[in-house]
């Protein structure tokens, strides 16, 4: 819906604010959940009941905040064909549409190159997020309470990071800002590799670095891609975007696990992720945003 609620020159700002508020909301709910977990005895709850309450809170949170777009975006036009018929017909139609979209990608080389770039650097980002706690606990020797503090810190710093990169995109453009974030991600990984065990203060500094680049790289990747999508076909092309984000996110985790299995070192495992950021940056530099945007508009 980003392309429906914002113009070309607004998308970086709108996407950045969206991601920023998402991280802020996630951080606030997580903080409440942690209070419930740590004070469950005082609240008259067992550990299991506290977990259930926290799980329920996520559903309530989604439900309440879904009311906002349902009511506020009632006048936004529908994009794409209506889904009719049985579930089987809907699924088969979706599969056919996905095949058709993949086949048409060859007519949009800049869009395809961006998706390949995103496949690599997003796998690196997701693996750092997933593996950071494991690295901190097993390699650096931090306890669960220290890791919880780190997770909260990253959430709230990511709020500021998304806003910061939204401002940077105004001056240098979204593509250069994303490339800058990939350079910073590489520095974060190198810093993690050299971080001494037990140095919690330095670990928190590293968490601040992750938070700054996390929100910015995700927000601007989305707004940059929105310029490369044919008008009126946003849903199907953003489905490919999600496929690159979720369907292939196991590449980085597989690399992290294999390197650890072969070397026995989590430090080498985290260092191996530099390859994903490097390949993503190389491919992203080849994307001509203006040319890709012009082709997407012409096709729409």
C-alpha atoms as a PDB file:
ATOM      1  CA  UNK A   1       0.000   0.000   0.000  1.00  0.00           C
ATOM      2  CA  UNK A   2       3.043   2.252   0.178  1.00  0.00           C
ATOM      3  CA  UNK A   3       2.615   3.309  -3.459  1.00  0.00           C
ATOM      4  CA  UNK A   4      -1.046   4.157  -2.881  1.00  0.00           C
ATOM      5  CA  UNK A   5      -0.609   6.390   0.156  1.00  0.00           C
ATOM      6  CA  UNK A   6       2.557   8.264  -0.866  1.00  0.00           C
ATOM      7  CA  UNK A   7       4.018   9.914  -3.957  1.00  0.00           C
ATOM      8  CA  UNK A   8       7.487   9.100  -5.309  1.00  0.00           C
ATOM      9  CA  UNK A   9       9.178  11.862  -3.344  1.00  0.00           C
ATOM     10  CA  UNK A  10       7.394  10.888  -0.108  1.00  0.00           C
ATOM     11  CA  UNK A  11       8.050   7.160  -0.069  1.00  0.00           C
ATOM     12  CA  UNK A  12      11.419   7.164   1.682  1.00  0.00           C
ATOM     13  CA  UNK A  13      10.023   9.325   4.476  1.00  0.00           C
ATOM     14  CA  UNK A  14       6.754   7.384   4.796  1.00  0.00           C
ATOM     15  CA  UNK A  15       8.480   3.999   4.739  1.00  0.00           C
ATOM     16  CA  UNK A  16      11.065   5.151   7.280  1.00  0.00           C
ATOM     17  CA  UNK A  17       8.393   6.464   9.628  1.00  0.00           C
ATOM     18  CA  UNK A  18       6.422   3.246   9.229  1.00  0.00           C
ATOM     19  CA  UNK A  19       9.392   1.078  10.171  1.00  0.00           C
ATOM     20  CA  UNK A  20      10.337   3.463  12.984  1.00  0.00           C
ATOM     21  CA  UNK A  21       6.868   3.281  14.548  1.00  0.00           C
ATOM     22  CA  UNK A  22       6.900  -0.483  14.090  1.00  0.00           C
ATOM     23  CA  UNK A  23      10.109  -0.793  16.075  1.00  0.00           C
ATOM     24  CA  UNK A  24       8.822   1.616  18.713  1.00  0.00           C
ATOM     25  CA  UNK A  25       5.595  -0.339  19.110  1.00  0.00           C
ATOM     26  CA  UNK A  26       7.431  -3.647  19.170  1.00  0.00           C
ATOM     27  CA  UNK A  27       9.811  -2.322  21.811  1.00  0.00           C
ATOM     28  CA  UNK A  28       6.989  -1.044  24.009  1.00  0.00           C
ATOM     29  CA  UNK A  29       5.073  -4.325  23.868  1.00  0.00           C
ATOM     30  CA  UNK A  30       8.256  -6.309  24.476  1.00  0.00           C
ATOM     31  CA  UNK A  31       9.035  -4.167  27.521  1.00  0.00           C
ATOM     32  CA  UNK A  32       5.552  -4.850  28.916  1.00  0.00           C
ATOM     33  CA  UNK A  33       5.965  -8.577  28.216  1.00  0.00           C
ATOM     34  CA  UNK A  34       9.272  -8.642  30.069  1.00  0.00           C
ATOM     35  CA  UNK A  35       7.707  -6.913  33.077  1.00  0.00           C
ATOM     36  CA  UNK A  36       4.963  -9.554  33.123  1.00  0.00           C
ATOM     37  CA  UNK A  37       7.546 -12.347  32.933  1.00  0.00           C
ATOM     38  CA  UNK A  38       9.821 -10.976  35.663  1.00  0.00           C
ATOM     39  CA  UNK A  39       6.949 -10.038  38.006  1.00  0.00           C
ATOM     40  CA  UNK A  40       4.619 -12.955  37.320  1.00  0.00           C
ATOM     41  CA  UNK A  41       4.657 -14.083  40.963  1.00  0.00           C
ATOM     42  CA  UNK A  42       3.592 -10.622  42.146  1.00  0.00           C
ATOM     43  CA  UNK A  43       0.818 -10.641  39.541  1.00  0.00           C
ATOM     44  CA  UNK A  44      -0.431 -14.027  40.755  1.00  0.00           C
ATOM     45  CA  UNK A  45       0.626 -15.824  37.577  1.00  0.00           C
ATOM     46  CA  UNK A  46       2.697 -18.928  37.024  1.00  0.00           C
ATOM     47  CA  UNK A  47       5.473 -18.858  34.437  1.00  0.00           C
ATOM     48  CA  UNK A  48       3.256 -20.714  31.952  1.00  0.00           C
ATOM     49  CA  UNK A  49       0.347 -18.348  32.535  1.00  0.00           C
ATOM     50  CA  UNK A  50       2.645 -15.342  32.042  1.00  0.00           C
ATOM     51  CA  UNK A  51       3.757 -16.762  28.694  1.00  0.00           C
ATOM     52  CA  UNK A  52       0.116 -17.235  27.685  1.00  0.00           C
ATOM     53  CA  UNK A  53      -0.758 -13.669  28.675  1.00  0.00           C
ATOM     54  CA  UNK A  54       2.180 -12.337  26.647  1.00  0.00           C
ATOM     55  CA  UNK A  55       1.157 -14.382  23.626  1.00  0.00           C
ATOM     56  CA  UNK A  56      -2.399 -13.112  23.949  1.00  0.00           C
ATOM     57  CA  UNK A  57      -1.116  -9.534  24.210  1.00  0.00           C
ATOM     58  CA  UNK A  58       0.453  -9.831  20.745  1.00  0.00           C
ATOM     59  CA  UNK A  59      -2.905 -10.788  19.229  1.00  0.00           C
ATOM     60  CA  UNK A  60      -4.701  -7.981  21.057  1.00  0.00           C
ATOM     61  CA  UNK A  61      -1.981  -5.520  19.955  1.00  0.00           C
ATOM     62  CA  UNK A  62      -2.388  -6.531  16.305  1.00  0.00           C
ATOM     63  CA  UNK A  63      -6.165  -6.362  16.552  1.00  0.00           C
ATOM     64  CA  UNK A  64      -6.251  -2.893  18.101  1.00  0.00           C
ATOM     65  CA  UNK A  65      -3.765  -1.333  15.696  1.00  0.00           C
ATOM     66  CA  UNK A  66      -5.396  -2.993  12.680  1.00  0.00           C
ATOM     67  CA  UNK A  67      -8.448  -0.838  13.378  1.00  0.00           C
ATOM     68  CA  UNK A  68      -6.442   2.252  12.380  1.00  0.00           C
ATOM     69  CA  UNK A  69      -5.796   1.294   8.723  1.00  0.00           C
ATOM     70  CA  UNK A  70      -9.202  -0.386   8.391  1.00  0.00           C
ATOM     71  CA  UNK A  71     -10.930   2.875   9.295  1.00  0.00           C
ATOM     72  CA  UNK A  72      -8.377   5.363   7.993  1.00  0.00           C
ATOM     73  CA  UNK A  73      -7.716   3.777   4.594  1.00  0.00           C
ATOM     74  CA  UNK A  74     -11.280   2.909   3.587  1.00  0.00           C
ATOM     75  CA  UNK A  75     -11.053   5.143   0.532  1.00  0.00           C
ATOM     76  CA  UNK A  76      -7.803   3.672  -0.800  1.00  0.00           C
ATOM     77  CA  UNK A  77      -8.524   1.956  -4.082  1.00  0.00           C
ATOM     78  CA  UNK A  78      -8.089  -1.784  -4.435  1.00  0.00           C
ATOM     79  CA  UNK A  79      -5.125  -2.922  -6.528  1.00  0.00           C
ATOM     80  CA  UNK A  80      -5.146  -6.154  -8.500  1.00  0.00           C
ATOM     81  CA  UNK A  81      -7.894  -8.592  -9.499  1.00  0.00           C
ATOM     82  CA  UNK A  82     -10.561  -9.583  -7.009  1.00  0.00           C
ATOM     83  CA  UNK A  83     -10.269 -13.066  -5.506  1.00  0.00           C
ATOM     84  CA  UNK A  84     -13.382 -15.074  -6.317  1.00  0.00           C
ATOM     85  CA  UNK A  85     -14.415 -18.706  -6.325  1.00  0.00           C
ATOM     86  CA  UNK A  86     -13.216 -21.539  -4.104  1.00  0.00           C
ATOM     87  CA  UNK A  87     -10.038 -21.688  -2.067  1.00  0.00           C
ATOM     88  CA  UNK A  88      -8.574 -24.163  -4.563  1.00  0.00           C
ATOM     89  CA  UNK A  89      -9.276 -21.789  -7.445  1.00  0.00           C
ATOM     90  CA  UNK A  90      -7.741 -18.902  -5.522  1.00  0.00           C
ATOM     91  CA  UNK A  91      -4.572 -20.887  -4.759  1.00  0.00           C
ATOM     92  CA  UNK A  92      -4.165 -22.174  -8.312  1.00  0.00           C
ATOM     93  CA  UNK A  93      -4.766 -18.680  -9.660  1.00  0.00           C
ATOM     94  CA  UNK A  94      -2.125 -17.290  -7.324  1.00  0.00           C
ATOM     95  CA  UNK A  95       0.398 -19.909  -8.463  1.00  0.00           C
ATOM     96  CA  UNK A  96      -0.267 -19.067 -12.112  1.00  0.00           C
ATOM     97  CA  UNK A  97       0.103 -15.376 -11.376  1.00  0.00           C
ATOM     98  CA  UNK A  98       3.412 -15.997  -9.575  1.00  0.00           C
ATOM     99  CA  UNK A  99       4.765 -17.943 -12.553  1.00  0.00           C
ATOM    100  CA  UNK A 100       3.663 -15.151 -14.872  1.00  0.00           C
ATOM    101  CA  UNK A 101       5.364 -12.522 -12.711  1.00  0.00           C
ATOM    102  CA  UNK A 102       8.631 -14.467 -12.655  1.00  0.00           C
ATOM    103  CA  UNK A 103       8.471 -14.839 -16.443  1.00  0.00           C
ATOM    104  CA  UNK A 104       7.934 -11.096 -16.909  1.00  0.00           C
ATOM    105  CA  UNK A 105      10.849 -10.126 -14.681  1.00  0.00           C
ATOM    106  CA  UNK A 106      13.238 -10.436 -17.641  1.00  0.00           C
ATOM    107  CA  UNK A 107      11.598  -7.302 -19.055  1.00  0.00           C
ATOM    108  CA  UNK A 108      12.591  -5.410 -15.888  1.00  0.00           C
ATOM    109  CA  UNK A 109      16.312  -6.142 -15.454  1.00  0.00           C
ATOM    110  CA  UNK A 110      16.844  -3.479 -12.790  1.00  0.00           C
ATOM    111  CA  UNK A 111      13.962  -4.849 -10.736  1.00  0.00           C
ATOM    112  CA  UNK A 112      15.373  -8.364 -11.024  1.00  0.00           C
ATOM    113  CA  UNK A 113      18.880  -7.202 -10.101  1.00  0.00           C
ATOM    114  CA  UNK A 114      17.518  -5.400  -7.053  1.00  0.00           C
ATOM    115  CA  UNK A 115      15.673  -8.539  -5.927  1.00  0.00           C
ATOM    116  CA  UNK A 116      18.883 -10.573  -6.234  1.00  0.00           C
ATOM    117  CA  UNK A 117      20.770  -7.937  -4.276  1.00  0.00           C
ATOM    118  CA  UNK A 118      18.048  -7.931  -1.642  1.00  0.00           C
ATOM    119  CA  UNK A 119      18.183 -11.728  -1.429  1.00  0.00           C
ATOM    120  CA  UNK A 120      21.834 -11.572  -0.389  1.00  0.00           C
ATOM    121  CA  UNK A 121      22.025  -8.559   1.899  1.00  0.00           C
ATOM    122  CA  UNK A 122      18.691  -9.273   3.605  1.00  0.00           C
ATOM    123  CA  UNK A 123      19.841 -12.826   4.333  1.00  0.00           C
ATOM    124  CA  UNK A 124      22.869 -11.296   6.024  1.00  0.00           C
ATOM    125  CA  UNK A 125      20.683  -8.933   8.059  1.00  0.00           C
ATOM    126  CA  UNK A 126      18.237 -11.643   9.120  1.00  0.00           C
ATOM    127  CA  UNK A 127      21.051 -13.999  10.108  1.00  0.00           C
ATOM    128  CA  UNK A 128      22.719 -11.346  12.248  1.00  0.00           C
ATOM    129  CA  UNK A 129      19.382 -10.709  13.982  1.00  0.00           C
ATOM    130  CA  UNK A 130      18.707 -14.408  14.573  1.00  0.00           C
ATOM    131  CA  UNK A 131      22.264 -15.349  15.553  1.00  0.00           C
ATOM    132  CA  UNK A 132      23.226 -12.331  17.669  1.00  0.00           C
ATOM    133  CA  UNK A 133      21.853 -13.810  20.914  1.00  0.00           C
ATOM    134  CA  UNK A 134      23.534 -17.152  20.241  1.00  0.00           C
ATOM    135  CA  UNK A 135      26.822 -15.397  19.514  1.00  0.00           C
ATOM    136  CA  UNK A 136      26.544 -13.249  22.625  1.00  0.00           C
ATOM    137  CA  UNK A 137      25.739 -16.211  24.867  1.00  0.00           C
ATOM    138  CA  UNK A 138      27.973 -18.961  23.500  1.00  0.00           C
ATOM    139  CA  UNK A 139      30.981 -16.977  22.256  1.00  0.00           C
ATOM    140  CA  UNK A 140      31.040 -13.883  24.482  1.00  0.00           C
ATOM    141  CA  UNK A 141      29.586 -15.388  27.652  1.00  0.00           C
ATOM    142  CA  UNK A 142      26.674 -13.022  28.350  1.00  0.00           C
ATOM    143  CA  UNK A 143      23.705 -14.067  30.466  1.00  0.00           C
ATOM    144  CA  UNK A 144      20.033 -14.064  29.537  1.00  0.00           C
ATOM    145  CA  UNK A 145      19.310 -10.806  31.384  1.00  0.00           C
ATOM    146  CA  UNK A 146      22.120  -9.046  29.508  1.00  0.00           C
ATOM    147  CA  UNK A 147      20.803 -10.320  26.190  1.00  0.00           C
ATOM    148  CA  UNK A 148      17.284  -9.130  27.053  1.00  0.00           C
ATOM    149  CA  UNK A 149      18.653  -5.643  27.735  1.00  0.00           C
ATOM    150  CA  UNK A 150      20.417  -5.780  24.364  1.00  0.00           C
ATOM    151  CA  UNK A 151      17.242  -6.768  22.504  1.00  0.00           C
ATOM    152  CA  UNK A 152      15.331  -3.870  24.062  1.00  0.00           C
ATOM    153  CA  UNK A 153      18.157  -1.476  23.230  1.00  0.00           C
ATOM    154  CA  UNK A 154      18.216  -2.558  19.577  1.00  0.00           C
ATOM    155  CA  UNK A 155      14.429  -2.150  19.284  1.00  0.00           C
ATOM    156  CA  UNK A 156      14.413   1.442  20.494  1.00  0.00           C
ATOM    157  CA  UNK A 157      17.588   2.475  18.658  1.00  0.00           C
ATOM    158  CA  UNK A 158      16.130   1.010  15.438  1.00  0.00           C
ATOM    159  CA  UNK A 159      13.286   3.521  15.842  1.00  0.00           C
ATOM    160  CA  UNK A 160      15.811   6.360  15.690  1.00  0.00           C
ATOM    161  CA  UNK A 161      17.871   4.631  12.996  1.00  0.00           C
ATOM    162  CA  UNK A 162      14.915   4.384  10.623  1.00  0.00           C
ATOM    163  CA  UNK A 163      14.200   8.103  11.034  1.00  0.00           C
ATOM    164  CA  UNK A 164      17.881   8.955  10.583  1.00  0.00           C
ATOM    165  CA  UNK A 165      18.175   7.030   7.319  1.00  0.00           C
ATOM    166  CA  UNK A 166      14.947   8.577   6.113  1.00  0.00           C
ATOM    167  CA  UNK A 167      16.655  11.964   6.431  1.00  0.00           C
ATOM    168  CA  UNK A 168      19.823  10.679   4.771  1.00  0.00           C
ATOM    169  CA  UNK A 169      17.772   9.470   1.808  1.00  0.00           C
ATOM    170  CA  UNK A 170      16.616  13.051   1.211  1.00  0.00           C
ATOM    171  CA  UNK A 171      20.172  14.253   0.670  1.00  0.00           C
ATOM    172  CA  UNK A 172      21.927  11.271  -0.917  1.00  0.00           C
ATOM    173  CA  UNK A 173      19.055   9.214  -2.335  1.00  0.00           C
ATOM    174  CA  UNK A 174      17.692   5.880  -1.159  1.00  0.00           C
ATOM    175  CA  UNK A 175      20.113   3.737  -3.142  1.00  0.00           C
ATOM    176  CA  UNK A 176      23.216   5.433  -1.722  1.00  0.00           C
ATOM    177  CA  UNK A 177      21.719   5.343   1.759  1.00  0.00           C
ATOM    178  CA  UNK A 178      21.132   1.581   1.488  1.00  0.00           C
ATOM    179  CA  UNK A 179      24.696   1.101   0.221  1.00  0.00           C
ATOM    180  CA  UNK A 180      25.911   3.127   3.210  1.00  0.00           C
ATOM    181  CA  UNK A 181      23.914   0.888   5.529  1.00  0.00           C
ATOM    182  CA  UNK A 182      25.499  -2.219   3.971  1.00  0.00           C
ATOM    183  CA  UNK A 183      28.938  -0.732   4.601  1.00  0.00           C
ATOM    184  CA  UNK A 184      27.952  -0.125   8.218  1.00  0.00           C
ATOM    185  CA  UNK A 185      26.581  -3.675   8.516  1.00  0.00           C
ATOM    186  CA  UNK A 186      29.975  -4.945   7.358  1.00  0.00           C
ATOM    187  CA  UNK A 187      31.703  -2.846  10.028  1.00  0.00           C
ATOM    188  CA  UNK A 188      29.289  -4.210  12.652  1.00  0.00           C
ATOM    189  CA  UNK A 189      30.154  -7.795  11.693  1.00  0.00           C
ATOM    190  CA  UNK A 190      33.905  -7.080  11.815  1.00  0.00           C
ATOM    191  CA  UNK A 191      33.460  -5.402  15.205  1.00  0.00           C
ATOM    192  CA  UNK A 192      31.588  -8.449  16.495  1.00  0.00           C
ATOM    193  CA  UNK A 193      34.395 -10.703  15.271  1.00  0.00           C
ATOM    194  CA  UNK A 194      37.029  -8.768  17.252  1.00  0.00           C
ATOM    195  CA  UNK A 195      34.873  -8.059  20.333  1.00  0.00           C
ATOM    196  CA  UNK A 196      36.530  -9.501  23.477  1.00  0.00           C
ATOM    197  CA  UNK A 197      34.521 -11.950  25.566  1.00  0.00           C
ATOM    198  CA  UNK A 198      32.720 -10.544  28.585  1.00  0.00           C
ATOM    199  CA  UNK A 199      32.896  -6.883  27.515  1.00  0.00           C
ATOM    200  CA  UNK A 200      29.231  -6.024  27.983  1.00  0.00           C
ATOM    201  CA  UNK A 201      29.717  -2.276  27.517  1.00  0.00           C
ATOM    202  CA  UNK A 202      31.281  -2.791  24.094  1.00  0.00           C
ATOM    203  CA  UNK A 203      28.541  -5.299  23.285  1.00  0.00           C
ATOM    204  CA  UNK A 204      25.921  -2.612  23.970  1.00  0.00           C
ATOM    205  CA  UNK A 205      27.799  -0.207  21.694  1.00  0.00           C
ATOM    206  CA  UNK A 206      27.614  -2.887  19.012  1.00  0.00           C
ATOM    207  CA  UNK A 207      23.880  -3.206  19.704  1.00  0.00           C
ATOM    208  CA  UNK A 208      23.488   0.524  19.115  1.00  0.00           C
ATOM    209  CA  UNK A 209      25.272   0.110  15.777  1.00  0.00           C
ATOM    210  CA  UNK A 210      22.936  -2.730  14.786  1.00  0.00           C
ATOM    211  CA  UNK A 211      19.881  -0.712  15.762  1.00  0.00           C
ATOM    212  CA  UNK A 212      20.958   2.307  13.708  1.00  0.00           C
ATOM    213  CA  UNK A 213      21.429   0.370  10.473  1.00  0.00           C
ATOM    214  CA  UNK A 214      18.646  -2.174  11.021  1.00  0.00           C
ATOM    215  CA  UNK A 215      15.633   0.105  10.655  1.00  0.00           C
ATOM    216  CA  UNK A 216      17.208   2.228   7.939  1.00  0.00           C
ATOM    217  CA  UNK A 217      18.256  -0.613   5.649  1.00  0.00           C
ATOM    218  CA  UNK A 218      14.844  -2.284   5.846  1.00  0.00           C
ATOM    219  CA  UNK A 219      12.794   0.888   5.399  1.00  0.00           C
ATOM    220  CA  UNK A 220      14.735   2.254   2.440  1.00  0.00           C
ATOM    221  CA  UNK A 221      14.974  -1.119   0.710  1.00  0.00           C
ATOM    222  CA  UNK A 222      11.188  -1.206   0.597  1.00  0.00           C
ATOM    223  CA  UNK A 223      10.755   2.351  -0.661  1.00  0.00           C
ATOM    224  CA  UNK A 224      13.528   1.884  -3.252  1.00  0.00           C
ATOM    225  CA  UNK A 225      11.894  -1.279  -4.568  1.00  0.00           C
ATOM    226  CA  UNK A 226       8.522   0.475  -4.811  1.00  0.00           C
ATOM    227  CA  UNK A 227       9.979   2.656  -7.586  1.00  0.00           C
ATOM    228  CA  UNK A 228      10.854  -0.423  -9.641  1.00  0.00           C
ATOM    229  CA  UNK A 229       7.373  -1.980  -9.593  1.00  0.00           C
ATOM    230  CA  UNK A 230       4.903  -1.634 -12.528  1.00  0.00           C
ATOM    231  CA  UNK A 231       1.983   0.612 -11.626  1.00  0.00           C
ATOM    232  CA  UNK A 232      -1.162  -1.315 -10.734  1.00  0.00           C
ATOM    233  CA  UNK A 233       0.722  -4.562 -10.088  1.00  0.00           C
ATOM    234  CA  UNK A 234       2.181  -3.727  -6.711  1.00  0.00           C
ATOM    235  CA  UNK A 235       0.674  -6.708  -4.897  1.00  0.00           C
ATOM    236  CA  UNK A 236       2.185  -9.379  -7.122  1.00  0.00           C
ATOM    237  CA  UNK A 237       5.612  -7.737  -7.266  1.00  0.00           C
ATOM    238  CA  UNK A 238       5.748  -7.140  -3.531  1.00  0.00           C
ATOM    239  CA  UNK A 239       4.877 -10.824  -3.146  1.00  0.00           C
ATOM    240  CA  UNK A 240       8.181 -11.550  -4.883  1.00  0.00           C
ATOM    241  CA  UNK A 241       9.833  -9.102  -2.508  1.00  0.00           C
ATOM    242  CA  UNK A 242       8.448 -11.040   0.453  1.00  0.00           C
ATOM    243  CA  UNK A 243       9.558 -14.299  -1.139  1.00  0.00           C
ATOM    244  CA  UNK A 244      13.103 -12.965  -1.319  1.00  0.00           C
ATOM    245  CA  UNK A 245      12.814 -11.870   2.312  1.00  0.00           C
ATOM    246  CA  UNK A 246      11.299 -15.023   3.808  1.00  0.00           C
ATOM    247  CA  UNK A 247      11.562 -17.829   1.296  1.00  0.00           C
ATOM    248  CA  UNK A 248      15.357 -17.678   0.981  1.00  0.00           C
ATOM    249  CA  UNK A 249      16.313 -16.392   4.435  1.00  0.00           C
ATOM    250  CA  UNK A 250      17.768 -19.786   5.326  1.00  0.00           C
ATOM    251  CA  UNK A 251      20.875 -19.201   3.145  1.00  0.00           C
ATOM    252  CA  UNK A 252      22.544 -17.041   5.763  1.00  0.00           C
ATOM    253  CA  UNK A 253      21.590 -19.312   8.655  1.00  0.00           C
ATOM    254  CA  UNK A 254      22.867 -22.327   6.722  1.00  0.00           C
ATOM    255  CA  UNK A 255      26.184 -20.566   6.093  1.00  0.00           C
ATOM    256  CA  UNK A 256      26.475 -19.557   9.757  1.00  0.00           C
ATOM    257  CA  UNK A 257      25.781 -23.139  10.883  1.00  0.00           C
ATOM    258  CA  UNK A 258      28.077 -24.813   8.354  1.00  0.00           C
ATOM    259  CA  UNK A 259      31.027 -22.565   9.159  1.00  0.00           C
ATOM    260  CA  UNK A 260      30.576 -23.287  12.861  1.00  0.00           C
ATOM    261  CA  UNK A 261      30.288 -27.010  12.210  1.00  0.00           C
ATOM    262  CA  UNK A 262      33.457 -27.027  10.099  1.00  0.00           C
ATOM    263  CA  UNK A 263      35.558 -24.710  12.273  1.00  0.00           C
ATOM    264  CA  UNK A 264      33.978 -24.864  15.721  1.00  0.00           C
ATOM    265  CA  UNK A 265      34.185 -21.057  15.895  1.00  0.00           C
ATOM    266  CA  UNK A 266      31.237 -18.702  16.201  1.00  0.00           C
ATOM    267  CA  UNK A 267      33.590 -15.831  15.393  1.00  0.00           C
ATOM    268  CA  UNK A 268      34.327 -17.253  11.954  1.00  0.00           C
ATOM    269  CA  UNK A 269      30.612 -17.973  11.508  1.00  0.00           C
ATOM    270  CA  UNK A 270      29.669 -14.340  12.095  1.00  0.00           C
ATOM    271  CA  UNK A 271      32.545 -13.152   9.911  1.00  0.00           C
ATOM    272  CA  UNK A 272      31.326 -15.309   7.018  1.00  0.00           C
ATOM    273  CA  UNK A 273      28.200 -13.157   6.799  1.00  0.00           C
ATOM    274  CA  UNK A 274      30.289 -10.338   5.322  1.00  0.00           C
ATOM    275  CA  UNK A 275      29.994 -12.197   2.012  1.00  0.00           C
ATOM    276  CA  UNK A 276      26.231 -11.584   1.927  1.00  0.00           C
ATOM    277  CA  UNK A 277      26.596  -7.844   2.470  1.00  0.00           C
ATOM    278  CA  UNK A 278      29.393  -7.619  -0.103  1.00  0.00           C
ATOM    279  CA  UNK A 279      27.478  -9.509  -2.805  1.00  0.00           C
ATOM    280  CA  UNK A 280      24.342  -7.515  -2.068  1.00  0.00           C
ATOM    281  CA  UNK A 281      26.235  -4.234  -2.383  1.00  0.00           C
ATOM    282  CA  UNK A 282      27.896  -5.252  -5.664  1.00  0.00           C
ATOM    283  CA  UNK A 283      24.541  -6.167  -7.204  1.00  0.00           C
ATOM    284  CA  UNK A 284      22.792  -3.091  -5.829  1.00  0.00           C
ATOM    285  CA  UNK A 285      25.405  -0.796  -7.388  1.00  0.00           C
ATOM    286  CA  UNK A 286      24.397  -2.203 -10.793  1.00  0.00           C
ATOM    287  CA  UNK A 287      20.762  -1.142 -10.354  1.00  0.00           C
ATOM    288  CA  UNK A 288      19.878   1.954 -12.372  1.00  0.00           C
ATOM    289  CA  UNK A 289      16.935   3.291 -10.380  1.00  0.00           C
ATOM    290  CA  UNK A 290      15.917   5.941 -12.917  1.00  0.00           C
ATOM    291  CA  UNK A 291      15.963   3.499 -15.818  1.00  0.00           C
ATOM    292  CA  UNK A 292      14.144   0.820 -13.827  1.00  0.00           C
ATOM    293  CA  UNK A 293      11.536   3.322 -12.643  1.00  0.00           C
ATOM    294  CA  UNK A 294      10.911   4.549 -16.188  1.00  0.00           C
ATOM    295  CA  UNK A 295      10.388   0.994 -17.459  1.00  0.00           C
ATOM    296  CA  UNK A 296       8.047   0.194 -14.584  1.00  0.00           C
ATOM    297  CA  UNK A 297       5.929   3.300 -15.260  1.00  0.00           C
ATOM    298  CA  UNK A 298       5.816   2.560 -18.989  1.00  0.00           C
ATOM    299  CA  UNK A 299       4.656  -1.019 -18.339  1.00  0.00           C
ATOM    300  CA  UNK A 300       1.933   0.208 -15.968  1.00  0.00           C
END
